[in-house]
Amino acid sequence: MINIDHFIENFSTIFKNQSQLAPWQITNDLKIIIEKMILDLDDNYVIKDQIAIHKLAVIENNVTIKKPAIVGANCHIGANAYFREGVYLADSVKIGPGCEIKNSIIFSNSAVAHFNYIGNSIIGRNINFEAGSIAANHYNERAIKKISVLYKGEVIETNSEKFGSLVGDNSKIGANAVLSPGTILSKDSIVKRLELVEQVPLK
């Protein structure tokens, strides 16, 4: 089993009932998970139609947020960003202009620069995605769409066609790098600019 707490400190403190699930199970069910979490938020959040935005968050012009979503304190969402199908941002997350975030969790003090795509992923604390970097969530080019992950030398079948990445705390993703579907990065990982991470090769 992949213990997400080994990648993201105190993951299970925030996502109490999901710590025994695999990362792809969490992202697949994230809309339902977020809907339940919204019910427990305090009055520091403005909640409307299953979208909860902390009163200290900054949302720039032309941002689209589709329900459900939680945006934490001191988050900054750049112009023309697009959130869809369930997004959770912890405190002090920065999302740059023109980014698309889908079915993903991003923990505190992480930054997604601008013109990035993060799909069906769990992103730890203090992560930096430089401009144009991508956490891909679907094998467009493969006949077999089911995603596999590599963990401790073992290939694990997710039985899902949509899963992006699990990125451990304090990792750095360089500009225009691509994390292929099913990427698992330990804490303090560094992905170079223009690098393609493909952990499970085509069968």
Protein backbone atom coordinates (compact mmCIF):
# COMPACT_ATOMS: atom_id res chain seq x y z
CA MET A 1 0.00 0.00 0.00
CA ILE A 2 1.15 3.54 -0.72
CA ASN A 3 1.12 5.49 2.55
CA ILE A 4 0.57 9.09 1.47
CA ASP A 5 1.85 10.35 4.84
CA HIS A 6 5.30 9.15 3.77
CA PHE A 7 5.09 11.66 0.89
CA ILE A 8 3.05 14.47 2.43
CA GLU A 9 3.46 15.23 6.12
CA ASN A 10 0.23 14.87 8.11
CA PHE A 11 -1.86 14.06 5.05
CA SER A 12 -4.13 11.90 7.19
CA THR A 13 -4.70 14.77 9.64
CA ILE A 14 -6.58 16.72 6.98
CA PHE A 15 -7.99 13.81 4.99
CA LYS A 16 -8.85 11.68 8.02
CA ASN A 17 -11.07 9.11 6.37
CA GLN A 18 -8.97 8.67 3.23
CA SER A 19 -5.57 7.69 4.62
CA GLN A 20 -6.09 4.01 3.84
CA LEU A 21 -7.03 4.68 0.22
CA ALA A 22 -4.68 4.66 -2.75
CA PRO A 23 -3.96 8.08 -4.28
CA TRP A 24 -5.99 7.32 -7.42
CA GLN A 25 -8.97 6.21 -5.32
CA ILE A 26 -8.87 9.57 -3.56
CA THR A 27 -8.70 11.62 -6.75
CA ASN A 28 -11.43 9.53 -8.38
CA ASP A 29 -13.73 10.27 -5.40
CA LEU A 30 -12.50 13.79 -4.74
CA LYS A 31 -15.74 15.54 -5.60
CA ILE A 32 -17.62 13.57 -2.96
CA ILE A 33 -14.79 14.01 -0.43
CA ILE A 34 -14.74 17.80 -0.90
CA GLU A 35 -18.53 18.07 -0.68
CA LYS A 36 -18.36 16.42 2.74
CA MET A 37 -15.42 18.57 3.89
CA ILE A 38 -17.30 21.76 3.03
CA LEU A 39 -19.95 20.84 5.61
CA ASP A 40 -17.34 21.12 8.39
CA LEU A 41 -15.84 24.48 7.41
CA ASP A 42 -16.17 27.46 9.73
CA ASP A 43 -17.46 30.96 9.01
CA ASN A 44 -14.07 32.12 7.75
CA TYR A 45 -15.19 30.69 4.40
CA VAL A 46 -17.71 32.17 2.02
CA ILE A 47 -19.66 29.15 0.78
CA LYS A 48 -21.96 29.28 -2.21
CA ASP A 49 -23.20 26.35 -4.29
CA GLN A 50 -20.52 23.94 -2.96
CA ILE A 51 -17.68 26.38 -3.59
CA ALA A 52 -15.89 27.49 -0.40
CA ILE A 53 -13.43 30.37 -0.57
CA HIS A 54 -11.62 31.63 2.51
CA LYS A 55 -12.14 35.32 3.24
CA LEU A 56 -8.36 35.87 3.09
CA ALA A 57 -7.97 34.30 -0.37
CA VAL A 58 -7.35 36.51 -3.40
CA ILE A 59 -9.11 35.63 -6.65
CA GLU A 60 -8.12 37.65 -9.72
CA ASN A 61 -10.26 38.41 -12.78
CA ASN A 62 -11.92 35.80 -14.99
CA VAL A 63 -11.21 32.81 -12.76
CA THR A 64 -13.59 29.87 -13.29
CA ILE A 65 -14.21 27.59 -10.31
CA LYS A 66 -16.59 24.69 -10.85
CA LYS A 67 -18.10 22.95 -7.85
CA PRO A 68 -17.09 21.47 -5.55
CA ALA A 69 -14.00 23.37 -4.45
CA ILE A 70 -12.23 24.58 -1.31
CA VAL A 71 -9.75 27.48 -1.49
CA GLY A 72 -7.85 28.04 1.75
CA ALA A 73 -6.60 31.13 3.58
CA ASN A 74 -4.06 33.36 1.84
CA CYS A 75 -4.33 31.52 -1.46
CA HIS A 76 -3.75 33.62 -4.57
CA ILE A 77 -5.46 32.56 -7.80
CA GLY A 78 -4.19 34.30 -10.93
CA ALA A 79 -6.34 35.64 -13.74
CA ASN A 80 -8.03 33.16 -16.10
CA ALA A 81 -7.27 30.11 -13.98
CA TYR A 82 -9.74 27.24 -14.40
CA PHE A 83 -10.71 24.77 -11.65
CA ARG A 84 -12.90 21.80 -12.52
CA GLU A 85 -14.30 18.55 -11.15
CA GLY A 86 -13.19 19.00 -7.55
CA VAL A 87 -10.21 21.03 -6.31
CA TYR A 88 -8.83 21.41 -2.79
CA LEU A 89 -6.23 24.10 -2.05
CA ALA A 90 -4.74 24.30 1.43
CA ASP A 91 -3.53 27.60 2.87
CA SER A 92 -1.11 29.89 1.02
CA VAL A 93 -1.20 28.11 -2.35
CA LYS A 94 -0.40 30.21 -5.41
CA ILE A 95 -1.98 29.38 -8.75
CA GLY A 96 -0.68 31.50 -11.61
CA PRO A 97 -2.53 32.96 -14.58
CA GLY A 98 -3.97 30.56 -17.13
CA CYS A 99 -3.54 27.37 -15.08
CA GLU A 100 -6.00 24.50 -15.20
CA ILE A 101 -6.45 22.35 -12.09
CA LYS A 102 -8.70 19.27 -12.22
CA ASN A 103 -9.62 16.75 -9.53
CA SER A 104 -6.57 17.63 -7.47
CA ILE A 105 -5.34 18.38 -3.96
CA ILE A 106 -2.57 20.95 -3.47
CA PHE A 107 -1.10 21.43 -0.01
CA SER A 108 0.13 24.59 1.68
CA ASN A 109 2.82 26.92 0.39
CA SER A 110 2.94 25.26 -3.02
CA ALA A 111 3.05 27.28 -6.22
CA VAL A 112 1.86 26.43 -9.72
CA ALA A 113 3.46 29.17 -11.79
CA HIS A 114 1.43 29.92 -14.93
CA PHE A 115 0.05 28.04 -17.93
CA ASN A 116 0.29 24.72 -16.08
CA TYR A 117 -2.03 21.72 -16.03
CA ILE A 118 -2.47 19.57 -12.92
CA GLY A 119 -4.89 16.67 -13.40
CA ASN A 120 -6.11 14.05 -10.90
CA SER A 121 -3.09 14.60 -8.66
CA ILE A 122 -2.07 14.98 -5.03
CA ILE A 123 0.58 17.67 -4.62
CA GLY A 124 2.44 18.10 -1.33
CA ARG A 125 3.68 21.11 0.62
CA ASN A 126 6.29 23.60 -0.60
CA ILE A 127 6.15 22.33 -4.18
CA ASN A 128 7.07 24.59 -7.06
CA PHE A 129 5.81 23.92 -10.58
CA GLU A 130 7.64 26.25 -12.95
CA ALA A 131 5.85 27.70 -15.96
CA GLY A 132 4.38 25.26 -18.47
CA SER A 133 4.98 22.11 -16.42
CA ILE A 134 2.28 19.47 -16.51
CA ALA A 135 0.99 16.63 -14.36
CA ALA A 136 -0.75 14.60 -17.08
CA ASN A 137 -3.60 12.30 -16.09
CA HIS A 138 -4.48 10.28 -19.20
CA TYR A 139 -2.63 8.17 -21.78
CA ASN A 140 -3.90 9.67 -25.00
CA GLU A 141 -1.26 7.86 -27.07
CA ARG A 142 -1.71 4.32 -25.71
CA ALA A 143 -4.22 1.74 -26.85
CA ILE A 144 -4.48 0.47 -23.26
CA LYS A 145 -5.57 3.45 -21.19
CA LYS A 146 -5.40 1.90 -17.70
CA ILE A 147 -2.67 3.56 -15.65
CA SER A 148 0.03 1.73 -13.69
CA VAL A 149 2.35 3.16 -11.04
CA LEU A 150 5.83 2.13 -9.93
CA TYR A 151 6.32 1.98 -6.17
CA LYS A 152 9.28 0.40 -4.39
CA GLY A 153 10.19 -1.49 -7.55
CA GLU A 154 6.71 -2.96 -7.94
CA VAL A 155 4.25 -2.09 -10.69
CA ILE A 156 0.79 -1.50 -9.25
CA GLU A 157 -2.28 -1.49 -11.49
CA THR A 158 -4.67 1.33 -10.64
CA ASN A 159 -7.49 0.02 -12.85
CA SER A 160 -8.20 3.68 -13.56
CA GLU A 161 -7.86 5.60 -16.80
CA LYS A 162 -7.42 8.91 -14.96
CA PHE A 163 -4.61 9.47 -12.48
CA GLY A 164 -1.87 12.08 -12.53
CA SER A 165 0.85 12.26 -9.89
CA LEU A 166 1.61 11.97 -6.22
CA VAL A 167 4.31 14.57 -5.49
CA GLY A 168 6.08 14.55 -2.14
CA ASP A 169 6.79 17.62 -0.04
CA ASN A 170 9.50 20.10 -1.05
CA SER A 171 9.80 18.87 -4.65
CA LYS A 172 10.63 21.10 -7.61
CA ILE A 173 9.23 20.63 -11.12
CA GLY A 174 11.09 22.53 -13.85
CA ALA A 175 9.59 24.60 -16.63
CA ASN A 176 7.90 22.63 -19.42
CA ALA A 177 8.54 19.32 -17.66
CA VAL A 178 5.89 16.59 -17.98
CA LEU A 179 4.95 14.12 -15.28
CA SER A 180 3.36 11.21 -17.12
CA PRO A 181 0.22 9.57 -15.73
CA GLY A 182 1.01 7.50 -12.66
CA THR A 183 4.12 9.41 -11.58
CA ILE A 184 5.14 8.92 -7.94
CA LEU A 185 7.76 11.37 -6.62
CA SER A 186 9.26 11.10 -3.14
CA LYS A 187 9.90 14.11 -0.93
CA ASP A 188 12.56 16.57 -2.15
CA SER A 189 12.45 15.34 -5.76
CA ILE A 190 13.81 17.55 -8.53
CA VAL A 191 12.54 17.29 -12.10
CA LYS A 192 14.67 19.22 -14.58
CA ARG A 193 13.33 21.68 -17.11
CA LEU A 194 11.94 19.94 -20.23
CA GLU A 195 12.26 16.54 -18.53
CA LEU A 196 9.73 13.78 -19.25
CA VAL A 197 9.06 11.49 -16.29
CA GLU A 198 7.82 8.11 -17.57
CA GLN A 199 8.13 5.62 -14.72
CA VAL A 200 6.17 2.72 -16.20
CA PRO A 201 7.17 2.08 -19.83
CA LEU A 202 4.74 0.98 -22.53
CA LYS A 203 4.11 -2.76 -22.40
